[in-house]
């Protein structure tokens, strides 16, 4: 099993969700996040005063899936989240040792 974590622009969330559903994924977890990378934030005006916004709004998507589904899921996220501009985000893939469904006690792939 693998865990995919994707940090994307918030306005791309619906497109990514739909793309993941189209490749057969049933459940995702979404968290609002703030951060910066090469994008580095920007300057805004508030009541005539200029200030720097260091952390930009992002969305973090997490999904745990079979190893066989990883390539399809990554491709779906890349296609749906890409704008071609700086700040499109990142995808991280890590190994999951075990999963347990709390309600039934199912483990492994059956639990996801």
N, C-alpha and C. Protein backbone atom coordinates (compact mmCIF):
# COMPACT_ATOMS: atom_id res chain seq x y z
N UNK A 1 0.84 -1.18 0.00
CA UNK A 1 0.00 0.00 0.00
C UNK A 1 0.88 1.24 0.00
N UNK A 2 0.37 2.27 -0.61
CA UNK A 2 1.07 3.56 -0.68
C UNK A 2 0.15 4.67 -0.21
N UNK A 3 0.76 5.75 0.23
CA UNK A 3 0.03 6.96 0.58
C UNK A 3 0.51 8.07 -0.35
N UNK A 4 -0.42 8.71 -1.02
CA UNK A 4 -0.10 9.86 -1.86
C UNK A 4 -0.56 11.11 -1.13
N UNK A 5 0.37 12.05 -0.98
CA UNK A 5 0.04 13.36 -0.44
C UNK A 5 0.29 14.37 -1.55
N UNK A 6 -0.71 15.16 -1.87
CA UNK A 6 -0.56 16.16 -2.92
C UNK A 6 -0.92 17.52 -2.35
N UNK A 7 -0.03 18.49 -2.57
CA UNK A 7 -0.28 19.87 -2.17
C UNK A 7 -0.62 20.61 -3.46
N UNK A 8 -1.83 21.17 -3.52
CA UNK A 8 -2.29 21.80 -4.76
C UNK A 8 -2.91 23.17 -4.47
N UNK A 9 -3.20 23.90 -5.53
CA UNK A 9 -3.90 25.17 -5.41
C UNK A 9 -5.37 24.88 -5.06
N UNK A 10 -5.94 25.66 -4.14
CA UNK A 10 -7.31 25.38 -3.68
C UNK A 10 -8.36 25.32 -4.79
N UNK A 11 -8.25 26.16 -5.80
CA UNK A 11 -9.28 26.19 -6.84
C UNK A 11 -9.22 24.97 -7.76
N UNK A 12 -8.20 24.13 -7.60
CA UNK A 12 -8.08 22.91 -8.40
C UNK A 12 -8.64 21.67 -7.68
N UNK A 13 -9.13 21.84 -6.46
CA UNK A 13 -9.58 20.70 -5.66
C UNK A 13 -10.69 19.91 -6.34
N UNK A 14 -11.72 20.56 -6.84
CA UNK A 14 -12.83 19.83 -7.45
C UNK A 14 -12.38 19.03 -8.67
N UNK A 15 -11.51 19.62 -9.48
CA UNK A 15 -11.02 18.91 -10.66
C UNK A 15 -10.21 17.68 -10.26
N UNK A 16 -9.37 17.82 -9.24
CA UNK A 16 -8.55 16.68 -8.78
C UNK A 16 -9.45 15.60 -8.19
N UNK A 17 -10.42 15.99 -7.39
CA UNK A 17 -11.35 15.01 -6.80
C UNK A 17 -12.06 14.22 -7.90
N UNK A 18 -12.57 14.91 -8.89
CA UNK A 18 -13.26 14.23 -9.99
C UNK A 18 -12.32 13.31 -10.77
N UNK A 19 -11.09 13.77 -11.00
CA UNK A 19 -10.11 12.95 -11.73
C UNK A 19 -9.79 11.68 -10.95
N UNK A 20 -9.67 11.77 -9.63
CA UNK A 20 -9.39 10.60 -8.81
C UNK A 20 -10.57 9.63 -8.80
N UNK A 21 -11.78 10.17 -8.78
CA UNK A 21 -12.96 9.30 -8.83
C UNK A 21 -13.04 8.58 -10.17
N UNK A 22 -12.65 9.24 -11.24
CA UNK A 22 -12.69 8.63 -12.57
C UNK A 22 -11.73 7.45 -12.70
N UNK A 23 -10.60 7.48 -11.96
CA UNK A 23 -9.67 6.35 -12.03
C UNK A 23 -10.00 5.27 -11.00
N UNK A 24 -11.09 5.46 -10.24
CA UNK A 24 -11.57 4.42 -9.36
C UNK A 24 -11.27 4.57 -7.88
N UNK A 25 -10.78 5.72 -7.46
CA UNK A 25 -10.52 5.92 -6.03
C UNK A 25 -11.79 6.40 -5.34
N UNK A 26 -12.06 5.83 -4.16
CA UNK A 26 -13.32 6.13 -3.48
C UNK A 26 -13.19 7.17 -2.40
N UNK A 27 -12.09 7.20 -1.67
CA UNK A 27 -12.00 8.10 -0.53
C UNK A 27 -10.72 8.90 -0.51
N UNK A 28 -10.85 10.17 -0.17
CA UNK A 28 -9.68 11.04 0.00
C UNK A 28 -9.88 11.86 1.26
N UNK A 29 -8.79 12.35 1.79
CA UNK A 29 -8.83 13.28 2.91
C UNK A 29 -8.27 14.60 2.43
N UNK A 30 -8.96 15.68 2.77
CA UNK A 30 -8.55 17.01 2.32
C UNK A 30 -8.34 17.91 3.54
N UNK A 31 -7.22 18.61 3.55
CA UNK A 31 -6.87 19.52 4.63
C UNK A 31 -6.49 20.87 4.05
N UNK A 32 -7.00 21.93 4.65
CA UNK A 32 -6.55 23.26 4.24
C UNK A 32 -5.16 23.48 4.80
N UNK A 33 -4.28 24.04 4.00
CA UNK A 33 -2.90 24.24 4.42
C UNK A 33 -2.41 25.60 3.94
N UNK A 34 -1.30 26.04 4.49
CA UNK A 34 -0.63 27.25 4.04
C UNK A 34 0.84 26.93 3.90
N UNK A 35 1.48 27.53 2.92
CA UNK A 35 2.90 27.26 2.75
C UNK A 35 3.48 28.08 1.62
N UNK A 36 4.77 27.88 1.40
CA UNK A 36 5.42 28.54 0.28
C UNK A 36 6.60 27.71 -0.15
N UNK A 37 6.97 27.86 -1.39
CA UNK A 37 8.15 27.21 -1.96
C UNK A 37 8.83 28.24 -2.82
N UNK A 38 9.00 27.91 -4.07
CA UNK A 38 9.60 28.86 -5.00
C UNK A 38 8.70 30.06 -5.23
N UNK A 39 7.41 29.89 -4.98
CA UNK A 39 6.44 30.95 -5.21
C UNK A 39 6.71 32.15 -4.27
N UNK A 40 7.20 31.89 -3.08
CA UNK A 40 7.69 32.87 -2.12
C UNK A 40 6.68 33.88 -1.57
N UNK A 41 5.41 33.75 -1.81
CA UNK A 41 4.46 34.71 -1.28
C UNK A 41 4.36 35.94 -2.15
N UNK A 42 3.69 36.96 -1.65
CA UNK A 42 3.52 38.18 -2.41
C UNK A 42 3.21 39.34 -1.48
N UNK A 43 3.17 40.55 -2.03
CA UNK A 43 2.89 41.76 -1.25
C UNK A 43 1.45 42.21 -1.52
N UNK A 44 0.74 42.62 -0.46
CA UNK A 44 -0.61 43.13 -0.61
C UNK A 44 -0.74 44.46 0.11
N UNK A 45 -1.79 45.18 -0.23
CA UNK A 45 -2.11 46.44 0.43
C UNK A 45 -3.31 46.25 1.33
N UNK A 46 -3.25 46.77 2.56
CA UNK A 46 -4.39 46.74 3.47
C UNK A 46 -4.47 48.07 4.16
N UNK A 47 -5.55 48.81 3.91
CA UNK A 47 -5.75 50.15 4.49
C UNK A 47 -4.55 51.06 4.24
N UNK A 48 -4.04 50.98 3.04
CA UNK A 48 -2.94 51.85 2.63
C UNK A 48 -1.56 51.38 3.04
N UNK A 49 -1.50 50.31 3.84
CA UNK A 49 -0.20 49.81 4.29
C UNK A 49 0.14 48.55 3.49
N UNK A 50 1.39 48.45 3.08
CA UNK A 50 1.85 47.29 2.34
C UNK A 50 2.35 46.23 3.32
N UNK A 51 1.99 44.98 3.07
CA UNK A 51 2.50 43.91 3.91
C UNK A 51 2.75 42.68 3.06
N UNK A 52 3.61 41.81 3.56
CA UNK A 52 4.02 40.61 2.83
C UNK A 52 3.20 39.42 3.30
N UNK A 53 2.64 38.69 2.36
CA UNK A 53 1.94 37.44 2.65
C UNK A 53 2.93 36.32 2.35
N UNK A 54 3.52 35.76 3.42
CA UNK A 54 4.53 34.71 3.26
C UNK A 54 3.92 33.37 2.91
N UNK A 55 2.83 33.03 3.60
CA UNK A 55 2.23 31.71 3.42
C UNK A 55 1.00 31.83 2.54
N UNK A 56 1.01 31.05 1.46
CA UNK A 56 -0.08 31.08 0.51
C UNK A 56 -1.05 29.93 0.79
N UNK A 57 -2.35 30.14 0.54
CA UNK A 57 -3.31 29.06 0.79
C UNK A 57 -3.10 27.90 -0.18
N UNK A 58 -3.13 26.71 0.36
CA UNK A 58 -2.98 25.47 -0.42
C UNK A 58 -3.99 24.46 0.13
N UNK A 59 -4.13 23.36 -0.57
CA UNK A 59 -4.95 22.25 -0.11
C UNK A 59 -4.07 21.00 -0.15
N UNK A 60 -4.15 20.21 0.91
CA UNK A 60 -3.40 18.96 0.97
C UNK A 60 -4.39 17.80 0.83
N UNK A 61 -4.15 16.96 -0.16
CA UNK A 61 -4.98 15.79 -0.40
C UNK A 61 -4.18 14.56 -0.01
N UNK A 62 -4.82 13.66 0.75
CA UNK A 62 -4.17 12.42 1.13
C UNK A 62 -5.04 11.25 0.69
N UNK A 63 -4.42 10.25 0.12
CA UNK A 63 -5.14 9.05 -0.29
C UNK A 63 -4.23 7.84 -0.11
N UNK A 64 -4.79 6.77 0.45
CA UNK A 64 -4.06 5.51 0.62
C UNK A 64 -4.67 4.51 -0.37
N UNK A 65 -3.81 3.81 -1.11
CA UNK A 65 -4.29 2.95 -2.18
C UNK A 65 -3.36 1.78 -2.42
N UNK A 66 -3.85 0.83 -3.23
CA UNK A 66 -3.04 -0.32 -3.66
C UNK A 66 -1.85 0.19 -4.47
N UNK A 67 -0.76 -0.54 -4.44
CA UNK A 67 0.42 -0.19 -5.23
C UNK A 67 0.09 -0.07 -6.72
N UNK A 68 -0.81 -0.93 -7.20
CA UNK A 68 -1.15 -0.95 -8.63
C UNK A 68 -1.85 0.32 -9.09
N UNK A 69 -2.47 1.05 -8.16
CA UNK A 69 -3.25 2.24 -8.51
C UNK A 69 -2.43 3.52 -8.49
N UNK A 70 -1.21 3.46 -7.99
CA UNK A 70 -0.41 4.66 -7.77
C UNK A 70 -0.17 5.45 -9.05
N UNK A 71 0.26 4.79 -10.10
CA UNK A 71 0.57 5.49 -11.35
C UNK A 71 -0.65 6.21 -11.91
N UNK A 72 -1.81 5.54 -11.90
CA UNK A 72 -3.04 6.16 -12.39
C UNK A 72 -3.42 7.38 -11.56
N UNK A 73 -3.31 7.23 -10.23
CA UNK A 73 -3.69 8.32 -9.34
C UNK A 73 -2.76 9.52 -9.51
N UNK A 74 -1.47 9.27 -9.59
CA UNK A 74 -0.50 10.36 -9.76
C UNK A 74 -0.75 11.09 -11.08
N UNK A 75 -0.98 10.33 -12.14
CA UNK A 75 -1.26 10.94 -13.44
C UNK A 75 -2.53 11.79 -13.38
N UNK A 76 -3.56 11.28 -12.71
CA UNK A 76 -4.81 12.02 -12.59
C UNK A 76 -4.61 13.33 -11.83
N UNK A 77 -3.84 13.28 -10.74
CA UNK A 77 -3.58 14.49 -9.96
C UNK A 77 -2.79 15.49 -10.80
N UNK A 78 -1.74 15.01 -11.46
CA UNK A 78 -0.91 15.91 -12.28
C UNK A 78 -1.73 16.60 -13.36
N UNK A 79 -2.55 15.85 -14.07
CA UNK A 79 -3.33 16.43 -15.16
C UNK A 79 -4.35 17.42 -14.64
N UNK A 80 -5.02 17.09 -13.53
CA UNK A 80 -6.09 17.95 -13.01
C UNK A 80 -5.56 19.19 -12.29
N UNK A 81 -4.39 19.08 -11.64
CA UNK A 81 -3.89 20.18 -10.83
C UNK A 81 -2.98 21.14 -11.59
N UNK A 82 -2.51 20.74 -12.76
CA UNK A 82 -1.53 21.54 -13.49
C UNK A 82 -2.17 22.79 -14.11
N UNK A 83 -1.54 23.94 -13.83
CA UNK A 83 -1.91 25.19 -14.51
C UNK A 83 -0.76 25.65 -15.41
N UNK A 84 0.42 25.10 -15.16
CA UNK A 84 1.60 25.52 -15.92
C UNK A 84 2.30 26.72 -15.32
N UNK A 85 1.82 27.16 -14.17
CA UNK A 85 2.41 28.32 -13.51
C UNK A 85 3.06 27.91 -12.20
N UNK A 86 3.91 28.76 -11.70
CA UNK A 86 4.60 28.46 -10.44
C UNK A 86 3.56 28.28 -9.33
N UNK A 87 3.84 27.35 -8.42
CA UNK A 87 2.94 27.10 -7.30
C UNK A 87 1.90 26.03 -7.54
N UNK A 88 2.03 25.26 -8.62
CA UNK A 88 1.06 24.19 -8.90
C UNK A 88 1.07 23.12 -7.82
N UNK A 89 2.18 22.95 -7.12
CA UNK A 89 2.20 22.04 -5.99
C UNK A 89 3.18 20.90 -6.13
N UNK A 90 3.03 19.93 -5.23
CA UNK A 90 3.94 18.78 -5.17
C UNK A 90 3.12 17.53 -4.87
N UNK A 91 3.69 16.38 -5.23
CA UNK A 91 3.10 15.09 -4.90
C UNK A 91 4.17 14.27 -4.20
N UNK A 92 3.80 13.70 -3.06
CA UNK A 92 4.71 12.85 -2.28
C UNK A 92 4.08 11.46 -2.18
N UNK A 93 4.91 10.42 -2.33
CA UNK A 93 4.43 9.04 -2.25
C UNK A 93 5.25 8.33 -1.17
N UNK A 94 4.55 7.68 -0.24
CA UNK A 94 5.25 6.96 0.82
C UNK A 94 4.61 5.60 1.04
N UNK A 95 5.35 4.71 1.67
CA UNK A 95 4.87 3.37 1.97
C UNK A 95 3.98 3.37 3.20
N UNK A 96 2.96 2.54 3.18
CA UNK A 96 2.08 2.34 4.33
C UNK A 96 2.25 0.89 4.78
N UNK A 97 2.60 0.70 6.03
CA UNK A 97 2.82 -0.65 6.54
C UNK A 97 1.53 -1.39 6.82
N UNK A 98 0.53 -0.69 7.33
CA UNK A 98 -0.71 -1.36 7.72
C UNK A 98 -1.85 -0.36 7.73
N UNK A 99 -3.05 -0.85 7.49
CA UNK A 99 -4.26 -0.04 7.64
C UNK A 99 -5.30 -0.88 8.36
N UNK A 100 -6.10 -0.24 9.19
CA UNK A 100 -7.11 -0.93 9.98
C UNK A 100 -8.39 -0.10 9.93
N UNK A 101 -9.49 -0.72 9.54
CA UNK A 101 -10.78 -0.05 9.59
C UNK A 101 -11.31 -0.18 11.01
N UNK A 102 -11.52 0.92 11.67
CA UNK A 102 -11.91 0.91 13.08
C UNK A 102 -13.26 0.20 13.29
N UNK A 103 -14.23 0.48 12.44
CA UNK A 103 -15.58 -0.07 12.61
C UNK A 103 -15.60 -1.59 12.57
N UNK A 104 -14.90 -2.19 11.59
CA UNK A 104 -15.02 -3.65 11.38
C UNK A 104 -13.79 -4.44 11.81
N UNK A 105 -12.66 -3.75 11.98
CA UNK A 105 -11.44 -4.46 12.32
C UNK A 105 -10.71 -5.00 11.10
N UNK A 106 -11.24 -4.76 9.89
CA UNK A 106 -10.57 -5.21 8.67
C UNK A 106 -9.17 -4.60 8.62
N UNK A 107 -8.24 -5.34 8.02
CA UNK A 107 -6.87 -4.85 7.93
C UNK A 107 -6.37 -4.91 6.50
N UNK A 108 -5.24 -4.25 6.27
CA UNK A 108 -4.60 -4.28 4.96
C UNK A 108 -5.44 -3.60 3.89
N UNK A 109 -5.37 -4.15 2.68
CA UNK A 109 -6.05 -3.57 1.53
C UNK A 109 -7.56 -3.53 1.74
N UNK A 110 -8.13 -4.51 2.44
CA UNK A 110 -9.58 -4.52 2.69
C UNK A 110 -10.02 -3.31 3.50
N UNK A 111 -9.13 -2.75 4.29
CA UNK A 111 -9.48 -1.61 5.14
C UNK A 111 -9.51 -0.28 4.39
N UNK A 112 -8.90 -0.26 3.21
CA UNK A 112 -8.92 1.00 2.47
C UNK A 112 -10.02 0.94 1.46
